[in-house]
N, C-alpha and C. Protein backbone atom coordinates (compact mmCIF):
# COMPACT_ATOMS: atom_id res chain seq x y z
N TYR A 1 0.84 -1.07 0.08
CA TYR A 1 0.07 -0.15 -0.20
C TYR A 1 0.82 1.44 0.22
N ARG A 2 2.23 1.36 0.80
CA ARG A 2 2.70 2.36 1.15
C ARG A 2 3.14 2.90 -0.03
N GLN A 3 3.35 2.50 -1.71
CA GLN A 3 3.77 2.96 -2.04
C GLN A 3 2.84 3.44 -3.90
N HIS A 4 1.99 2.63 -3.65
CA HIS A 4 0.78 2.37 -5.13
C HIS A 4 0.14 2.78 -3.88
N GLY A 5 -0.39 3.33 -3.17
CA GLY A 5 -1.96 2.96 -2.54
C GLY A 5 -3.18 3.76 -3.08
N GLY A 6 -3.04 4.28 -3.13
CA GLY A 6 -3.90 5.91 -3.99
C GLY A 6 -4.39 4.44 -4.82
N GLU A 7 -3.26 4.31 -6.10
CA GLU A 7 -2.99 3.30 -7.20
C GLU A 7 -4.18 2.20 -7.03
N LEU A 8 -4.13 1.18 -6.17
CA LEU A 8 -4.77 0.50 -5.22
C LEU A 8 -6.40 0.21 -5.25
N LEU A 9 -6.42 1.93 -4.45
CA LEU A 9 -7.37 2.18 -4.01
C LEU A 9 -8.58 2.02 -5.36
N ASP A 10 -8.20 2.94 -6.44
CA ASP A 10 -9.26 3.31 -7.37
C ASP A 10 -9.03 2.39 -8.47
N LEU A 11 -8.72 1.12 -8.24
CA LEU A 11 -8.23 0.17 -9.18
C LEU A 11 -9.46 -1.00 -8.30
N ALA A 12 -9.66 -0.65 -7.34
CA ALA A 12 -10.45 -2.24 -6.29
C ALA A 12 -11.94 -1.09 -6.41
N ALA A 13 -11.68 0.12 -6.44
CA ALA A 13 -13.24 0.39 -6.76
C ALA A 13 -14.05 0.46 -7.78
N ALA A 14 -12.96 0.52 -9.15
CA ALA A 14 -13.41 0.41 -10.61
C ALA A 14 -13.89 -0.97 -10.41
N HIS A 15 -13.62 -1.88 -10.02
CA HIS A 15 -14.59 -3.14 -9.74
C HIS A 15 -14.98 -3.79 -8.89
N GLY A 16 -15.32 -2.63 -8.43
CA GLY A 16 -16.36 -2.58 -6.81
C GLY A 16 -15.77 -3.46 -6.18
N CYS A 17 -14.89 -3.61 -5.67
CA CYS A 17 -14.11 -4.53 -4.54
C CYS A 17 -13.98 -3.66 -3.32
N ASP A 18 -13.42 -4.21 -2.42
CA ASP A 18 -12.77 -3.65 -1.35
C ASP A 18 -11.45 -3.97 -1.34
N LEU A 19 -10.22 -3.07 -0.79
CA LEU A 19 -8.74 -2.46 0.09
C LEU A 19 -8.81 -3.51 1.36
N LEU A 20 -8.17 -4.22 1.67
CA LEU A 20 -8.08 -4.09 2.78
C LEU A 20 -7.02 -4.17 3.08
N PHE A 21 -6.76 -3.52 4.57
CA PHE A 21 -5.59 -3.44 4.85
C PHE A 21 -5.23 -2.82 6.40
N GLU A 22 -6.84 -2.40 7.18
CA GLU A 22 -6.76 -2.48 7.83
C GLU A 22 -5.92 -2.39 9.18
N ALA A 23 -5.57 -4.18 8.92
CA ALA A 23 -4.23 -4.18 9.95
C ALA A 23 -3.41 -3.30 9.75
N SER A 24 -2.63 -2.65 9.40
CA SER A 24 -1.17 -2.35 8.61
C SER A 24 -1.06 -1.11 9.56
N VAL A 25 -2.42 -0.98 9.70
CA VAL A 25 -2.25 0.97 10.18
C VAL A 25 -2.83 0.85 11.83
N ALA A 26 -1.93 1.06 13.30
CA ALA A 26 -1.80 0.94 14.34
C ALA A 26 -2.38 -0.59 14.78
N GLY A 27 -1.91 -1.07 14.47
CA GLY A 27 -2.07 -2.29 14.49
C GLY A 27 -3.52 -2.91 14.79
N ALA A 28 -3.99 -2.99 15.58
CA ALA A 28 -4.99 -3.97 16.12
C ALA A 28 -6.36 -2.59 16.16
N ILE A 29 -6.01 -1.72 15.88
CA ILE A 29 -6.84 -0.85 16.49
C ILE A 29 -7.99 -0.60 15.14
N PRO A 30 -9.24 -0.60 15.11
CA PRO A 30 -9.80 -0.17 14.16
C PRO A 30 -10.30 0.68 13.93
N ILE A 31 -9.00 1.25 12.38
CA ILE A 31 -9.59 3.48 12.71
C ILE A 31 -9.89 3.08 11.12
N ILE A 32 -9.51 2.33 10.06
CA ILE A 32 -9.69 2.17 8.35
C ILE A 32 -11.19 2.10 8.38
N ARG A 33 -12.10 1.57 8.70
CA ARG A 33 -13.21 0.96 8.37
C ARG A 33 -14.17 2.30 9.27
N PRO A 34 -14.07 2.63 10.02
CA PRO A 34 -14.33 3.38 10.62
C PRO A 34 -14.36 5.05 10.25
N LEU A 35 -13.58 4.97 9.93
CA LEU A 35 -12.75 7.25 8.87
C LEU A 35 -13.70 6.24 6.96
N LYS A 36 -14.51 5.36 7.07
CA LYS A 36 -14.48 4.91 5.39
C LYS A 36 -15.86 5.39 5.68
N GLN A 37 -16.49 4.24 7.32
CA GLN A 37 -17.89 4.02 6.62
C GLN A 37 -18.49 5.19 7.64
N CYS A 38 -18.32 4.83 9.37
CA CYS A 38 -19.30 5.61 10.20
C CYS A 38 -19.28 6.96 10.27
N LEU A 39 -17.36 7.80 9.53
CA LEU A 39 -17.15 8.52 10.01
C LEU A 39 -17.22 9.85 8.38
N ALA A 40 -18.43 8.82 8.24
CA ALA A 40 -17.30 9.54 6.64
C ALA A 40 -17.97 10.90 6.96
N GLY A 41 -19.20 10.96 6.90
CA GLY A 41 -20.11 11.98 6.74
C GLY A 41 -19.49 13.76 7.48
N ASN A 42 -18.59 13.02 8.28
CA ASN A 42 -17.98 14.05 9.57
C ASN A 42 -17.59 14.68 8.96
N GLU A 43 -16.91 16.41 8.81
CA GLU A 43 -15.61 16.70 8.20
C GLU A 43 -14.60 16.95 9.58
N ILE A 44 -13.55 15.82 9.23
CA ILE A 44 -13.21 15.48 10.05
C ILE A 44 -11.42 16.32 10.10
N SER A 45 -10.92 17.72 10.96
CA SER A 45 -10.53 18.16 11.40
C SER A 45 -9.04 17.93 11.96
N GLU A 46 -9.65 16.37 12.29
CA GLU A 46 -7.45 16.02 13.63
C GLU A 46 -7.88 14.44 13.72
N VAL A 47 -6.75 14.60 13.09
CA VAL A 47 -5.94 12.33 13.31
C VAL A 47 -4.90 12.84 13.74
N MET A 48 -4.60 12.23 15.20
CA MET A 48 -3.59 12.23 16.10
C MET A 48 -3.99 10.83 16.76
N GLY A 49 -2.39 10.39 17.28
CA GLY A 49 -2.47 9.37 17.35
C GLY A 49 -0.69 8.62 17.63
N ILE A 50 -1.18 7.47 18.41
CA ILE A 50 0.23 6.59 18.65
C ILE A 50 0.40 5.27 17.59
N VAL A 51 0.69 5.46 16.60
CA VAL A 51 0.33 4.25 15.24
C VAL A 51 2.02 2.82 15.35
N ASN A 52 2.65 3.73 16.05
CA ASN A 52 4.56 2.90 15.86
C ASN A 52 3.91 1.71 17.35
N GLY A 53 3.95 0.40 18.00
CA GLY A 53 4.10 0.05 18.82
C GLY A 53 5.90 0.39 19.37
N THR A 54 6.53 0.40 18.65
CA THR A 54 8.00 0.08 18.63
C THR A 54 8.49 0.64 19.57
N THR A 55 8.03 1.51 18.93
CA THR A 55 8.81 3.35 19.79
C THR A 55 8.28 4.06 20.93
N ASN A 56 6.92 3.20 20.83
CA ASN A 56 5.99 3.78 22.24
C ASN A 56 6.41 2.79 23.80
N TYR A 57 7.05 1.32 22.79
CA TYR A 57 8.08 0.55 23.58
C TYR A 57 8.33 1.36 24.09
N ILE A 58 9.54 1.48 23.18
CA ILE A 58 10.92 2.22 23.80
C ILE A 58 11.04 3.29 24.97
N LEU A 59 10.14 4.03 24.15
CA LEU A 59 10.00 5.82 25.47
C LEU A 59 9.44 4.73 26.83
N THR A 60 8.04 3.62 26.20
CA THR A 60 7.96 3.82 28.76
C THR A 60 8.91 3.34 28.78
N LYS A 61 9.51 2.16 28.00
CA LYS A 61 10.82 1.68 28.87
C LYS A 61 11.62 2.62 29.52
N MET A 62 11.69 3.68 28.43
CA MET A 62 13.32 5.24 28.44
C MET A 62 11.59 6.17 29.99
N PHE A 63 10.35 5.76 30.07
CA PHE A 63 10.14 7.03 31.36
C PHE A 63 9.95 6.04 32.72
N GLU A 64 9.81 4.39 32.13
CA GLU A 64 8.88 3.55 33.43
C GLU A 64 10.39 3.02 34.17
N GLU A 65 11.65 2.51 33.16
CA GLU A 65 12.38 1.69 34.14
C GLU A 65 13.38 3.02 33.77
N ASN A 66 14.30 3.88 33.01
CA ASN A 66 14.78 4.70 33.15
C ASN A 66 16.03 3.44 32.02
N MET A 67 15.34 3.23 31.13
CA MET A 67 16.54 2.86 30.35
C MET A 67 16.67 3.62 29.76
N ASP A 68 18.61 3.71 29.26
CA ASP A 68 18.65 5.01 27.84
C ASP A 68 17.56 3.96 26.37
N PHE A 69 18.24 4.86 25.29
CA PHE A 69 17.68 4.66 23.88
C PHE A 69 17.79 3.09 23.48
N LYS A 70 19.12 2.94 23.61
CA LYS A 70 19.75 1.76 23.04
C LYS A 70 19.44 0.61 23.81
N THR A 71 19.26 0.56 25.31
CA THR A 71 19.32 -1.06 25.31
C THR A 71 17.60 -1.08 25.67
N ALA A 72 17.01 -0.27 25.70
CA ALA A 72 15.31 -0.12 25.43
C ALA A 72 15.22 -0.49 24.04
N LEU A 73 15.85 -0.24 23.28
CA LEU A 73 15.82 -0.35 21.83
C LEU A 73 16.64 -1.73 21.59
N ALA A 74 16.83 -2.91 22.36
CA ALA A 74 17.36 -3.94 22.43
C ALA A 74 16.30 -4.52 23.27
N LYS A 75 15.90 -4.43 24.17
CA LYS A 75 14.72 -4.84 24.31
C LYS A 75 13.61 -5.23 24.15
N ALA A 76 13.64 -3.97 23.00
CA ALA A 76 12.46 -4.43 21.94
C ALA A 76 12.98 -5.24 20.97
N THR A 77 14.25 -5.62 20.23
CA THR A 77 14.55 -6.61 19.63
C THR A 77 13.96 -7.85 20.13
N GLU A 78 14.70 -8.02 21.09
CA GLU A 78 14.79 -9.12 21.59
C GLU A 78 13.44 -9.99 22.25
N LEU A 79 12.03 -9.32 22.11
CA LEU A 79 10.60 -8.85 21.84
C LEU A 79 10.25 -9.62 21.01
N GLY A 80 11.25 -8.96 19.88
CA GLY A 80 10.12 -9.08 18.64
C GLY A 80 9.44 -8.15 18.10
N TYR A 81 9.54 -6.49 19.03
CA TYR A 81 9.34 -5.72 18.19
C TYR A 81 9.40 -4.67 17.14
N ALA A 82 11.13 -4.94 17.51
CA ALA A 82 10.90 -4.42 16.51
C ALA A 82 12.47 -5.15 15.32
N GLU A 83 12.01 -4.21 14.79
CA GLU A 83 12.91 -5.28 13.09
C GLU A 83 14.48 -5.40 13.70
N ALA A 84 15.16 -6.13 13.03
CA ALA A 84 16.32 -6.41 12.48
C ALA A 84 17.11 -4.94 12.40
N ASP A 85 16.69 -3.87 11.17
CA ASP A 85 16.82 -2.95 10.61
C ASP A 85 16.13 -2.08 10.94
N PRO A 86 15.69 -1.61 12.82
CA PRO A 86 14.66 -0.59 13.38
C PRO A 86 14.48 0.74 12.16
N THR A 87 14.94 1.25 11.85
CA THR A 87 15.47 2.35 10.59
C THR A 87 14.36 2.70 10.85
N ALA A 88 12.98 2.33 9.83
CA ALA A 88 12.12 2.91 9.62
C ALA A 88 11.06 3.19 10.77
N ASP A 89 11.00 2.52 12.10
CA ASP A 89 10.50 2.19 13.65
C ASP A 89 10.79 3.86 14.27
N VAL A 90 12.00 3.82 14.31
CA VAL A 90 12.54 4.56 15.49
C VAL A 90 13.12 5.94 14.97
N GLU A 91 13.45 5.90 13.98
CA GLU A 91 12.64 7.80 12.50
C GLU A 91 11.41 8.58 12.49
N GLY A 92 11.01 7.54 12.41
CA GLY A 92 9.20 7.88 12.09
C GLY A 92 8.39 7.04 11.27
N LEU A 93 9.49 7.26 10.21
CA LEU A 93 9.62 6.54 8.40
C LEU A 93 7.38 5.69 8.32
N ASP A 94 8.06 4.45 9.45
CA ASP A 94 6.85 3.47 9.14
C ASP A 94 5.33 3.83 10.36
N ALA A 95 5.30 5.73 10.80
CA ALA A 95 4.81 6.11 11.49
C ALA A 95 4.00 7.03 10.24
N GLY A 96 5.08 7.44 10.06
CA GLY A 96 5.16 8.29 9.08
C GLY A 96 3.60 7.74 7.21
N ARG A 97 4.36 6.69 7.83
CA ARG A 97 3.42 6.30 6.17
C ARG A 97 2.30 5.70 6.54
N LYS A 98 1.86 5.15 7.48
CA LYS A 98 0.17 5.21 8.44
C LYS A 98 -0.33 6.42 8.31
N ALA A 99 -0.03 7.46 8.71
CA ALA A 99 -0.09 9.27 9.24
C ALA A 99 -0.18 9.39 7.17
N ALA A 100 -0.08 9.36 7.00
CA ALA A 100 -0.56 9.16 5.38
C ALA A 100 -1.75 8.12 4.73
N ILE A 101 -1.59 7.20 5.49
CA ILE A 101 -2.90 6.24 4.96
C ILE A 101 -3.54 7.40 5.81
N LEU A 102 -3.81 7.32 7.17
CA LEU A 102 -5.06 8.12 7.54
C LEU A 102 -5.20 9.06 6.64
N SER A 103 -4.57 10.42 7.16
CA SER A 103 -5.48 11.60 6.34
C SER A 103 -5.62 11.19 4.92
N SER A 104 -4.98 10.24 3.93
CA SER A 104 -5.52 10.31 2.88
C SER A 104 -7.29 10.06 2.82
N ILE A 105 -7.18 8.99 4.09
CA ILE A 105 -8.78 8.16 4.37
C ILE A 105 -9.49 9.48 4.71
N ALA A 106 -9.02 10.16 6.41
CA ALA A 106 -9.80 10.75 7.03
C ALA A 106 -10.39 12.09 6.05
N PHE A 107 -9.12 12.56 5.17
CA PHE A 107 -9.96 13.92 4.55
C PHE A 107 -10.36 13.78 2.76
N HIS A 108 -10.64 12.77 2.59
CA HIS A 108 -10.80 11.94 1.22
C HIS A 108 -10.34 13.22 0.25
N SER A 109 -8.19 12.45 0.10
CA SER A 109 -7.58 13.39 -0.33
C SER A 109 -6.17 12.16 -0.33
N ARG A 110 -5.39 12.85 -0.74
CA ARG A 110 -4.46 12.02 -1.06
C ARG A 110 -2.76 12.58 -1.53
N VAL A 111 -2.35 12.01 0.31
CA VAL A 111 -1.79 12.56 0.97
C VAL A 111 -0.75 11.42 0.67
N GLN A 112 1.11 12.06 -0.29
CA GLN A 112 1.49 10.89 -0.09
C GLN A 112 2.91 11.05 1.23
N PHE A 113 3.82 10.17 1.36
CA PHE A 113 4.76 9.94 2.34
C PHE A 113 5.59 11.24 2.57
N LYS A 114 6.13 11.46 1.21
CA LYS A 114 7.06 12.37 0.69
C LYS A 114 6.45 13.49 1.49
N ASP A 115 5.22 13.71 1.75
CA ASP A 115 5.44 15.48 2.12
C ASP A 115 4.66 14.81 3.50
N VAL A 116 5.28 14.21 3.94
CA VAL A 116 5.02 13.45 5.83
C VAL A 116 6.38 14.38 6.60
N TYR A 117 5.84 15.43 7.07
CA TYR A 117 7.05 15.75 8.09
C TYR A 117 7.39 13.99 9.40
N THR A 118 8.50 13.80 9.05
CA THR A 118 8.92 13.06 10.02
C THR A 118 10.32 13.19 10.85
N GLU A 119 10.86 12.37 11.99
CA GLU A 119 10.89 12.54 12.93
C GLU A 119 10.78 11.67 14.16
N GLY A 120 11.70 11.14 14.22
CA GLY A 120 11.74 9.43 15.00
C GLY A 120 12.19 10.81 16.37
N ILE A 121 12.54 9.23 17.11
CA ILE A 121 12.47 9.22 18.81
C ILE A 121 14.43 9.06 19.03
N THR A 122 15.30 8.86 18.44
CA THR A 122 16.97 8.50 18.06
C THR A 122 17.42 9.65 19.43
N LYS A 123 16.67 10.61 18.75
CA LYS A 123 17.27 12.00 19.57
C LYS A 123 17.00 12.50 21.08
N ILE A 124 16.42 11.39 21.55
CA ILE A 124 15.64 11.63 22.85
C ILE A 124 17.16 10.49 24.44
N THR A 125 16.56 12.09 24.90
CA THR A 125 17.81 11.82 26.20
C THR A 125 17.28 11.60 26.98
N ALA A 126 18.19 11.29 28.34
CA ALA A 126 17.46 11.00 30.10
C ALA A 126 17.34 12.14 29.85
N GLU A 127 18.18 13.32 29.55
CA GLU A 127 17.47 15.11 30.14
C GLU A 127 16.50 15.06 29.07
N ASP A 128 15.73 14.70 28.02
CA ASP A 128 14.49 14.88 27.35
C ASP A 128 13.68 14.24 28.72
N ILE A 129 13.91 13.39 29.30
CA ILE A 129 12.73 12.49 29.63
C ILE A 129 13.08 13.08 32.15
N ALA A 130 14.13 13.22 31.78
CA ALA A 130 13.96 13.85 33.09
C ALA A 130 12.83 15.27 33.32
N TYR A 131 13.17 16.03 32.78
CA TYR A 131 13.03 17.22 31.88
C TYR A 131 11.17 16.50 31.95
N ALA A 132 10.68 16.05 30.34
CA ALA A 132 9.29 15.74 30.80
C ALA A 132 8.89 15.04 31.68
N LYS A 133 9.13 14.85 33.00
CA LYS A 133 9.33 14.37 34.58
C LYS A 133 8.43 15.63 35.25
N GLU A 134 9.49 15.82 35.62
CA GLU A 134 9.51 17.22 35.42
C GLU A 134 8.32 18.28 35.36
N PHE A 135 7.90 18.47 34.23
CA PHE A 135 6.79 19.22 34.79
C PHE A 135 5.33 17.94 34.48
N ASP A 136 5.46 17.05 35.25
CA ASP A 136 4.74 15.70 35.07
C ASP A 136 3.93 15.23 33.30
N CYS A 137 4.86 15.32 32.06
CA CYS A 137 4.95 15.26 31.17
C CYS A 137 4.95 13.69 30.81
N VAL A 138 4.99 13.39 29.66
CA VAL A 138 5.54 11.92 28.52
C VAL A 138 5.69 12.71 27.80
N ILE A 139 6.49 12.07 26.44
CA ILE A 139 7.00 11.87 25.15
C ILE A 139 6.54 10.93 24.09
N LYS A 140 5.65 10.91 23.64
CA LYS A 140 5.67 10.29 22.48
C LYS A 140 5.51 10.56 21.58
N LEU A 141 5.29 9.29 20.53
CA LEU A 141 5.65 9.78 18.85
C LEU A 141 4.03 10.19 18.65
N LEU A 142 3.62 11.17 17.73
CA LEU A 142 2.88 10.93 17.77
C LEU A 142 2.35 11.30 16.06
N ALA A 143 1.64 11.02 15.70
CA ALA A 143 1.36 10.86 14.08
C ALA A 143 0.05 12.03 13.74
N VAL A 144 0.46 13.19 13.35
CA VAL A 144 -0.17 14.55 13.17
C VAL A 144 -0.86 14.84 12.36
N ALA A 145 -1.79 14.56 12.13
CA ALA A 145 -3.13 15.31 10.62
C ALA A 145 -4.20 16.44 11.09
N HIS A 146 -3.66 17.67 10.38
CA HIS A 146 -4.17 18.66 10.55
C HIS A 146 -5.44 19.49 8.40
N ASN A 147 -6.22 18.86 8.89
CA ASN A 147 -7.11 19.70 8.25
C ASN A 147 -7.21 21.67 8.26
N THR A 148 -6.30 22.52 7.36
CA THR A 148 -6.75 23.32 7.55
C THR A 148 -7.35 24.67 6.45
N ASP A 149 -7.03 25.16 6.14
CA ASP A 149 -7.72 26.29 5.39
C ASP A 149 -6.78 26.48 4.15
N LYS A 150 -5.77 25.79 4.71
CA LYS A 150 -4.04 26.73 3.85
C LYS A 150 -4.39 24.90 3.74
N GLY A 151 -4.34 23.74 4.01
CA GLY A 151 -4.27 22.83 3.30
C GLY A 151 -3.75 21.47 4.30
N ILE A 152 -3.77 20.64 3.92
CA ILE A 152 -3.31 19.80 5.56
C ILE A 152 -1.65 19.14 5.25
N GLU A 153 -2.00 19.68 7.20
CA GLU A 153 -0.83 19.23 6.70
C GLU A 153 -0.46 18.00 7.77
N VAL A 154 0.47 17.59 7.21
CA VAL A 154 0.93 15.55 8.19
C VAL A 154 2.30 15.64 8.78
N GLY A 155 2.36 15.45 9.87
CA GLY A 155 3.80 15.04 10.61
C GLY A 155 3.59 14.33 11.17
N VAL A 156 5.11 13.95 11.55
CA VAL A 156 5.19 12.06 12.55
C VAL A 156 7.27 13.07 13.42
N TYR A 157 6.10 13.22 15.47
CA TYR A 157 7.51 13.60 15.96
C TYR A 157 7.20 13.73 17.74
N PRO A 158 8.52 13.72 18.01
CA PRO A 158 8.00 13.41 19.34
C PRO A 158 7.17 14.39 19.79
N VAL A 159 6.52 14.77 20.88
CA VAL A 159 5.23 15.30 21.47
C VAL A 159 5.13 15.55 22.86
N LEU A 160 5.43 16.28 23.59
CA LEU A 160 5.33 16.25 24.97
C LEU A 160 3.95 16.46 25.44
N LEU A 161 3.18 14.56 26.32
CA LEU A 161 2.28 15.56 26.56
C LEU A 161 1.28 15.72 27.92
N GLY A 162 0.45 16.69 28.43
CA GLY A 162 0.32 16.42 29.62
C GLY A 162 0.03 14.99 30.50
N LYS A 163 0.35 14.48 31.65
CA LYS A 163 -0.14 13.09 31.93
C LYS A 163 -2.01 13.52 31.73
N GLU A 164 -2.50 14.21 31.71
CA GLU A 164 -4.27 14.47 31.28
C GLU A 164 -4.51 14.29 30.65
N HIS A 165 -3.68 14.11 29.42
CA HIS A 165 -3.20 13.64 28.09
C HIS A 165 -4.37 11.76 28.05
N PRO A 166 -5.45 11.90 27.54
CA PRO A 166 -5.64 10.81 26.75
C PRO A 166 -4.66 9.66 26.07
N LEU A 167 -3.66 10.25 25.68
CA LEU A 167 -2.81 9.42 24.98
C LEU A 167 -1.18 9.00 25.59
N SER A 168 -1.10 10.56 27.17
CA SER A 168 -0.49 9.83 28.35
C SER A 168 -0.95 8.94 28.53
N SER A 169 -1.72 7.32 28.85
CA SER A 169 -1.38 6.62 29.49
C SER A 169 -1.38 5.86 28.71
N VAL A 170 -1.05 5.69 27.30
CA VAL A 170 -0.82 4.77 26.34
C VAL A 170 0.51 3.73 26.53
N ARG A 171 0.41 2.53 26.95
CA ARG A 171 1.79 2.46 27.09
C ARG A 171 2.47 0.89 26.10
N ASP A 172 3.64 0.50 27.03
CA ASP A 172 4.42 -0.71 26.05
C ASP A 172 4.01 0.24 24.18
N SER A 173 3.57 -1.68 23.74
CA SER A 173 3.50 -1.97 22.24
C SER A 173 2.49 -1.07 21.96
N PHE A 174 1.07 -0.64 22.81
CA PHE A 174 0.00 -0.56 21.64
C PHE A 174 0.37 0.82 21.79
N ASN A 175 -1.33 0.83 20.81
CA ASN A 175 -1.49 1.99 19.97
C ASN A 175 -2.22 2.10 20.55
N ALA A 176 -3.40 3.96 19.85
CA ALA A 176 -4.14 4.85 20.26
C ALA A 176 -4.56 5.95 19.02
N VAL A 177 -5.55 5.89 18.27
CA VAL A 177 -6.10 7.17 17.94
C VAL A 177 -6.59 7.94 18.09
N PHE A 178 -6.68 9.43 17.49
CA PHE A 178 -8.05 10.13 17.86
C PHE A 178 -8.04 10.72 16.63
N VAL A 179 -9.42 10.99 16.73
CA VAL A 179 -10.26 11.84 15.27
C VAL A 179 -11.22 12.29 16.68
N HIS A 180 -10.63 13.67 15.58
CA HIS A 180 -11.93 15.43 15.16
C HIS A 180 -12.34 15.55 14.95
N GLY A 181 -14.15 16.04 14.99
CA GLY A 181 -14.71 16.44 13.33
C GLY A 181 -14.97 16.71 13.59
N ASP A 182 -16.83 17.52 12.84
CA ASP A 182 -17.89 18.42 13.73
C ASP A 182 -18.80 17.30 13.91
N ALA A 183 -19.19 16.43 13.91
CA ALA A 183 -20.07 15.90 14.64
C ALA A 183 -19.21 14.34 15.88
N VAL A 184 -17.83 14.93 16.30
CA VAL A 184 -17.60 14.19 16.82
C VAL A 184 -16.72 15.45 17.84
N ASP A 185 -15.94 14.79 19.17
CA ASP A 185 -15.19 15.45 19.06
C ASP A 185 -14.01 14.45 19.42
N ASP A 186 -13.22 13.72 20.06
CA ASP A 186 -11.70 13.18 20.78
C ASP A 186 -12.69 11.77 20.58
């Protein structure tokens, strides 16, 4: 899907078929079908979420067990969360591809991965973690997409979240996605 998603969707529609790829975005979270069906009449303004379990696991270990990045990555690899080459995960590339898919569906558009700003978690330090804790916050790698008057803005980057934000409590390799629109809040 990541390279020819739009073409595949057009081909499936032309032949009266569905292209099924729900599990490829945000793991077991059923988000694609609700965006395409249940929320289709909604004018969605924002999609935001944790869509990469590997990076969420690493950040959880860095926060809760004071692991450094390399140790947390090694643990993620040992448990099978991280690939042998974890670059796509830890540099935000995997989440960026998922953000392009989600925003394309949510905003009825064609967002390509090359148009998604991506920043990973490899530069997050123990000092960053300590700073976040000092302010009762956590750091999460979020995919964020906004439909604005100027167009669609999509990015993946580490975000400092207050503990009151629901995404702050998503731990380990779990994912979560928020959709905000005119008929739904979050």
